[in-house]
Structures are given as structure tokens and as C-alpha cells.
Amino acid sequence: MPTPPPIQPPDPLPLKGRVVLITGGAQGIGRGIAQGVLGAGGSVLIGDADVEAGEACLAEWNVGEAARFRELDVSKETSVRRFVEHGTKTFGRVDGLVNNAAIADPDAGPLESLSLADWNRYMAVNLTSVLLCCRQALPSLRECGGSVVNLASTRALMSEADTEPYATAKGGIVAFTHALAMSAGPEVRVNVISPGWVPTEQWQKPGDRKPPKLTRKDHAQHPAGRAGTPMDIAHLAVYLLSEQSAFVTGQNFVIDGGMVRKMVYA
């Protein structure tokens, strides 16, 4: 009988030589993922509407040409096209795409007073942007056998009042992900991460940083014993971007400290 392969230690740099494009990569979870990619040996092009935040990342990381920044409006097809073209031209390849950019505030107010313009803005930034970025990056990703990681939310699965646009967009990302995984495979794998409560106050540009206001009760309500951090999401994103997850596609990974599995009674 054939013998199993020998024991191999985990690769300490699973993204060495790989290039990852990250939207909304200058602050919050996007910045955490960018730092995770850099720590795993990869190179990043971060796109963000906040130029000050993007430039601060490059100055603080101080990793030379491994990290680049380009101003990006993910709701504009021309801006997305130029962003992806810049990444391909600068690095010569694109191995990964992380669709993280979003309007972060889920509270849109009562549905009766929600304007169509506000609804369309949520859809453009939080959902249609994923289509635009994937469509533009797919040719390069196919050449490299690459990976797409989309960012949704546990709000795709559970809700508070007055969050219809946000929840709808995030639910759409989950569905878009498994559909694209079927269309783009086997050359390109596509997965989605749905974070729970992940405070990002300390992951903003320097002038906006502050300690998160978290109480002992806030942490204790999580079965894992604490709220999340951007690096919790980054570790999973690195795995999904690397060959370590070569048999994983079309999946929604909920990473929320166990909150969506917790039964709550009034």
C-alpha cells in the first residue's frame, strides 16, 4: 500500500512571492489583512478613498516596494479598472483579491424614511463594488491560479432594526461568492469571511486612533471570551489566499467568537 506523505512543518511564509490587492485596505479590518499578507511574505496594493490613511500605512509599515497605495472609489468602474491595472503593471501579476471596502455603518434609519439614493449608495459601495473588482481582476487571477476573499458580515445571517441596506448587501456578497466560485473554478477559488464584532478604533489613520470602549460585559457575551480584532480576520484571510486552502472554495467563514451560535433569551 502507498505510504502517506512525510510530515511537513507549516510554511512560515505562505504568501511569499504573491501579490494581493485589498480594497479599503488603509484602515480597520482591511489594514489588518494587509499587515497579515505582508507578514506572510506577500506584497500588497491597498486601495482606499482616504489618501491620508493610505500614505500613513506606507510610512508606518516601512516595507519598501512590498506595499503600494492607490486612491480608489470602489463604486466607480473606471477607478476600479485603474486600480487593478496599476497592481498588474506594478507587480507583474495578481494572485489574490480581497474585497473589503464598505460603508461600515449598518444603521440606515427607518425604512420608511430611507431615500432611494441612500439605498443605491449602500448597494454600490458594499455589493456592486465586489462585482466590479472581481470582473476586472479575474483574467490576472486565472493566470496565477489565484484566490478571491470577500468580506461580508454576520449581519448577512442576523439583524438589528433599521439595517436593511447593509444586511441586504452583505447577504448578496455571500450569494455572489458561492456563485462566482462555481463560475471561476477550478482556476480561481472564491470564499467569503463574515466577521462579527471587531472593534477597529485603533486601526484608523494616526489622527483618528483611540482605544475601543469595550466593557467586561461586551467581551463576556462572546463564547470565546472576547470581541474580535482585525488580526483575527487577517489570519483567516491569509489562509484562504494561500495554497494551504487549495481544497476550499465557495465557503462562508463566520468568525465572530461564537456569537451567532449563542442562544439568547430575554
Protein backbone atom coordinates (compact mmCIF):
# COMPACT_ATOMS: atom_id res chain seq x y z
CA MET A 1 0.00 0.00 0.00
CA PRO A 2 1.20 3.56 -0.66
CA THR A 3 2.57 5.36 2.36
CA PRO A 4 1.30 8.76 3.49
CA PRO A 5 3.45 11.78 2.64
CA PRO A 6 6.10 12.70 5.21
CA ILE A 7 5.36 15.21 7.96
CA GLN A 8 5.97 18.75 6.74
CA PRO A 9 6.26 21.80 9.00
CA PRO A 10 3.85 24.65 8.19
CA ASP A 11 5.17 27.22 5.75
CA PRO A 12 6.09 30.34 7.75
CA LEU A 13 5.69 32.50 4.63
CA PRO A 14 2.70 31.01 2.78
CA LEU A 15 2.28 34.09 0.56
CA LYS A 16 5.92 34.56 -0.45
CA GLY A 17 6.11 35.88 -3.99
CA ARG A 18 2.36 36.54 -4.16
CA VAL A 19 0.61 39.82 -4.84
CA VAL A 20 -2.71 40.71 -3.20
CA LEU A 21 -5.00 43.65 -3.99
CA ILE A 22 -7.02 44.87 -0.99
CA THR A 23 -9.87 47.36 -1.23
CA GLY A 24 -10.49 49.51 1.82
CA GLY A 25 -7.02 48.42 2.87
CA ALA A 26 -5.83 51.54 4.67
CA GLN A 27 -7.91 51.26 7.85
CA GLY A 28 -9.81 48.80 10.01
CA ILE A 29 -10.07 45.15 9.02
CA GLY A 30 -8.60 45.92 5.60
CA ARG A 31 -5.44 47.27 7.17
CA GLY A 32 -5.21 44.21 9.39
CA ILE A 33 -5.46 41.92 6.37
CA ALA A 34 -2.79 43.93 4.54
CA GLN A 35 -0.44 43.56 7.50
CA GLY A 36 -1.21 39.85 7.62
CA VAL A 37 -0.32 39.45 3.95
CA LEU A 38 2.93 41.36 4.39
CA GLY A 39 3.82 39.25 7.42
CA ALA A 40 3.18 36.11 5.38
CA GLY A 41 5.72 37.18 2.76
CA GLY A 42 3.36 38.71 0.23
CA SER A 43 3.15 42.09 -1.47
CA VAL A 44 0.08 44.33 -1.35
CA LEU A 45 -1.58 47.08 -3.26
CA ILE A 46 -4.08 48.75 -0.96
CA GLY A 47 -6.85 50.87 -2.42
CA ASP A 48 -8.77 53.36 -0.31
CA ALA A 49 -10.75 56.56 -0.71
CA ASP A 50 -8.78 58.09 2.19
CA VAL A 51 -5.41 59.15 0.77
CA GLU A 52 -4.08 60.30 4.14
CA ALA A 53 -4.77 56.87 5.63
CA GLY A 54 -3.13 55.09 2.70
CA GLU A 55 0.01 57.18 2.87
CA ALA A 56 0.19 56.66 6.64
CA CYS A 57 0.16 52.90 6.12
CA LEU A 58 3.17 53.02 3.81
CA ALA A 59 5.07 55.30 6.18
CA GLU A 60 4.36 53.17 9.26
CA TRP A 61 4.94 49.79 7.61
CA ASN A 62 8.23 50.87 6.05
CA VAL A 63 8.47 47.73 3.89
CA GLY A 64 9.66 49.39 0.70
CA GLU A 65 8.17 48.21 -2.57
CA ALA A 66 6.31 45.31 -0.97
CA ALA A 67 3.42 47.69 -0.22
CA ARG A 68 1.86 50.25 -2.53
CA PHE A 69 -1.17 52.52 -2.26
CA ARG A 70 -3.61 53.89 -4.82
CA GLU A 71 -6.63 56.08 -4.28
CA LEU A 72 -9.78 54.09 -5.04
CA ASP A 73 -13.52 54.64 -5.28
CA VAL A 74 -14.94 51.12 -5.45
CA SER A 75 -18.30 52.39 -6.67
CA LYS A 76 -16.74 53.73 -9.90
CA GLU A 77 -15.87 51.23 -12.63
CA THR A 78 -13.12 53.44 -14.07
CA SER A 79 -11.45 53.78 -10.68
CA VAL A 80 -11.60 50.01 -10.13
CA ARG A 81 -10.14 49.30 -13.56
CA ARG A 82 -7.24 51.67 -12.97
CA PHE A 83 -6.63 50.18 -9.53
CA VAL A 84 -6.34 46.63 -10.87
CA GLU A 85 -4.29 47.73 -13.89
CA HIS A 86 -1.92 49.58 -11.56
CA GLY A 87 -1.43 46.45 -9.46
CA THR A 88 -0.77 44.28 -12.51
CA LYS A 89 1.65 46.78 -14.03
CA THR A 90 3.48 47.47 -10.77
CA PHE A 91 3.95 43.88 -9.62
CA GLY A 92 3.58 41.98 -12.89
CA ARG A 93 0.92 39.65 -11.51
CA VAL A 94 -2.15 39.43 -9.25
CA ASP A 95 -2.54 36.33 -7.07
CA GLY A 96 -5.22 37.50 -4.66
CA LEU A 97 -8.07 39.96 -4.33
CA VAL A 98 -9.66 40.99 -1.03
CA ASN A 99 -12.94 42.88 -1.38
CA ASN A 100 -13.16 44.66 1.94
CA ALA A 101 -14.26 48.24 1.17
CA ALA A 102 -17.68 49.12 2.52
CA ILE A 103 -19.86 51.73 4.16
CA ALA A 104 -19.27 50.50 7.69
CA ASP A 105 -22.29 51.99 9.45
CA PRO A 106 -25.14 49.45 9.35
CA ASP A 107 -27.78 51.80 10.82
CA ALA A 108 -29.61 53.44 7.90
CA GLY A 109 -32.64 54.59 9.89
CA PRO A 110 -36.27 53.52 9.43
CA LEU A 111 -37.10 52.05 6.05
CA GLU A 112 -39.98 54.47 5.57
CA SER A 113 -37.58 57.42 5.57
CA LEU A 114 -34.72 55.73 3.66
CA SER A 115 -34.12 57.51 0.35
CA LEU A 116 -33.54 55.56 -2.83
CA ALA A 117 -30.26 57.42 -3.24
CA ASP A 118 -29.03 56.16 0.14
CA TRP A 119 -30.14 52.62 -0.66
CA ASN A 120 -28.32 52.75 -4.02
CA ARG A 121 -25.19 54.12 -2.33
CA TYR A 122 -25.08 51.17 0.06
CA MET A 123 -25.52 48.76 -2.84
CA ALA A 124 -22.88 50.47 -4.98
CA VAL A 125 -20.18 50.56 -2.31
CA ASN A 126 -20.95 47.37 -0.39
CA LEU A 127 -22.11 44.99 -3.13
CA THR A 128 -21.68 46.18 -6.72
CA SER A 129 -18.05 47.01 -5.90
CA VAL A 130 -17.41 43.28 -5.40
CA LEU A 131 -18.70 42.59 -8.90
CA LEU A 132 -16.58 45.38 -10.41
CA CYS A 133 -13.37 44.31 -8.67
CA CYS A 134 -13.81 40.60 -9.38
CA ARG A 135 -14.68 41.16 -13.03
CA GLN A 136 -11.61 43.32 -13.54
CA ALA A 137 -9.18 41.06 -11.66
CA LEU A 138 -10.35 37.65 -12.91
CA PRO A 139 -8.10 37.47 -16.01
CA SER A 140 -4.96 38.00 -13.92
CA LEU A 141 -6.21 35.72 -11.16
CA ARG A 142 -6.85 32.93 -13.68
CA GLU A 143 -3.30 33.20 -14.99
CA CYS A 144 -1.89 32.78 -11.49
CA GLY A 145 -4.40 30.28 -10.10
CA GLY A 146 -5.43 32.92 -7.62
CA SER A 147 -7.91 33.41 -4.80
CA VAL A 148 -10.66 35.91 -4.00
CA VAL A 149 -11.63 36.68 -0.40
CA ASN A 150 -14.79 38.74 0.06
CA LEU A 151 -15.77 40.38 3.34
CA ALA A 152 -19.41 40.07 4.36
CA SER A 153 -20.73 40.16 7.95
CA THR A 154 -22.67 38.16 10.46
CA ARG A 155 -25.39 40.68 9.59
CA ALA A 156 -25.93 38.58 6.49
CA LEU A 157 -27.32 35.98 8.93
CA MET A 158 -28.87 38.03 11.76
CA SER A 159 -30.05 41.62 12.16
CA GLU A 160 -30.86 44.60 14.30
CA ALA A 161 -33.62 47.05 13.38
CA ASP A 162 -33.04 49.67 10.66
CA THR A 163 -30.20 47.86 8.90
CA GLU A 164 -31.92 46.67 5.70
CA PRO A 165 -29.44 48.13 3.14
CA TYR A 166 -26.37 46.87 4.98
CA ALA A 167 -27.77 43.40 5.65
CA THR A 168 -29.02 43.06 2.08
CA ALA A 169 -25.64 43.98 0.62
CA LYS A 170 -23.77 41.60 2.91
CA GLY A 171 -26.20 38.78 2.17
CA GLY A 172 -25.68 39.47 -1.51
CA ILE A 173 -21.93 39.09 -1.09
CA VAL A 174 -22.39 35.63 0.43
CA ALA A 175 -24.55 34.53 -2.53
CA PHE A 176 -22.26 36.19 -5.08
CA THR A 177 -19.32 34.33 -3.56
CA HIS A 178 -20.65 30.82 -4.00
CA ALA A 179 -21.95 31.66 -7.48
CA LEU A 180 -18.57 33.00 -8.62
CA ALA A 181 -16.77 30.03 -7.06
CA MET A 182 -18.69 27.81 -9.47
CA SER A 183 -18.04 30.07 -12.46
CA ALA A 184 -14.37 30.84 -11.82
CA GLY A 185 -13.22 27.42 -10.64
CA PRO A 186 -11.06 25.48 -10.77
CA GLU A 187 -8.56 28.17 -11.74
CA VAL A 188 -9.75 30.70 -9.13
CA ARG A 189 -11.07 29.95 -5.66
CA VAL A 190 -13.62 32.31 -4.10
CA ASN A 191 -14.53 32.45 -0.41
CA VAL A 192 -16.15 34.90 1.99
CA ILE A 193 -15.42 35.86 5.58
CA SER A 194 -18.29 37.10 7.76
CA PRO A 195 -16.83 38.90 10.78
CA GLY A 196 -18.78 39.58 13.93
CA TRP A 197 -17.95 42.29 16.46
CA VAL A 198 -14.48 43.54 15.52
CA PRO A 199 -13.61 46.96 17.03
CA THR A 200 -11.32 48.93 14.70
CA GLU A 201 -10.79 52.22 16.54
CA GLN A 202 -7.06 51.53 16.97
CA TRP A 203 -6.67 50.60 13.28
CA GLN A 204 -7.52 54.01 11.82
CA LYS A 205 -5.19 56.67 10.45
CA PRO A 206 -2.99 58.22 13.17
CA GLY A 207 -5.18 61.26 13.92
CA ASP A 208 -8.32 59.16 14.39
CA ARG A 209 -6.99 56.41 16.64
CA LYS A 210 -8.43 55.82 20.08
CA PRO A 211 -8.89 52.88 22.44
CA PRO A 212 -12.14 50.98 21.86
CA LYS A 213 -14.81 51.47 24.51
CA LEU A 214 -15.33 47.85 25.49
CA THR A 215 -16.64 46.71 28.84
CA ARG A 216 -16.09 43.39 30.57
CA LYS A 217 -19.70 42.60 29.68
CA ASP A 218 -19.02 43.26 25.98
CA HIS A 219 -16.26 40.66 25.98
CA ALA A 220 -18.09 38.18 28.21
CA GLN A 221 -21.10 37.87 25.92
CA HIS A 222 -18.87 36.19 23.34
CA PRO A 223 -18.49 32.42 23.87
CA ALA A 224 -14.81 32.88 23.00
CA GLY A 225 -14.49 35.34 25.89
CA ARG A 226 -13.67 38.49 23.94
CA ALA A 227 -14.54 40.66 20.97
CA GLY A 228 -12.54 40.21 17.79
CA THR A 229 -9.55 42.05 16.35
CA PRO A 230 -8.58 42.81 12.74
CA MET A 231 -5.76 40.29 13.05
CA ASP A 232 -8.25 37.52 13.83
CA ILE A 233 -9.73 38.18 10.39
CA ALA A 234 -6.30 38.61 8.81
CA HIS A 235 -5.09 35.16 9.87
CA LEU A 236 -8.07 33.52 8.17
CA ALA A 237 -7.67 35.70 5.07
CA VAL A 238 -4.01 34.68 4.72
CA TYR A 239 -5.02 31.03 4.89
CA LEU A 240 -7.68 31.50 2.21
CA LEU A 241 -5.27 33.40 -0.03
CA SER A 242 -2.58 30.71 0.23
CA GLU A 243 -2.16 27.24 -1.21
CA GLN A 244 -2.85 25.87 2.26
CA SER A 245 -6.54 26.26 1.41
CA ALA A 246 -6.31 24.76 -2.10
CA PHE A 247 -9.34 22.49 -1.44
CA VAL A 248 -11.51 25.32 -0.10
CA THR A 249 -13.88 27.33 -2.30
CA GLY A 250 -17.41 28.70 -2.23
CA GLN A 251 -17.48 28.82 1.57
CA ASN A 252 -18.71 31.39 4.08
CA PHE A 253 -16.49 31.53 7.17
CA VAL A 254 -18.22 33.09 10.17
CA ILE A 255 -15.63 34.40 12.60
CA ASP A 256 -17.44 36.02 15.50
CA GLY A 257 -16.32 34.42 18.74
CA GLY A 258 -19.31 32.09 18.59
CA MET A 259 -22.00 34.78 18.80
CA VAL A 260 -24.30 33.51 16.03
CA ARG A 261 -24.40 30.11 17.74
CA LYS A 262 -25.37 31.52 21.11
CA MET A 263 -28.99 31.22 22.23
CA VAL A 264 -30.19 34.43 23.86
CA TYR A 265 -33.35 34.66 25.95
CA ALA A 266 -34.84 37.90 27.25
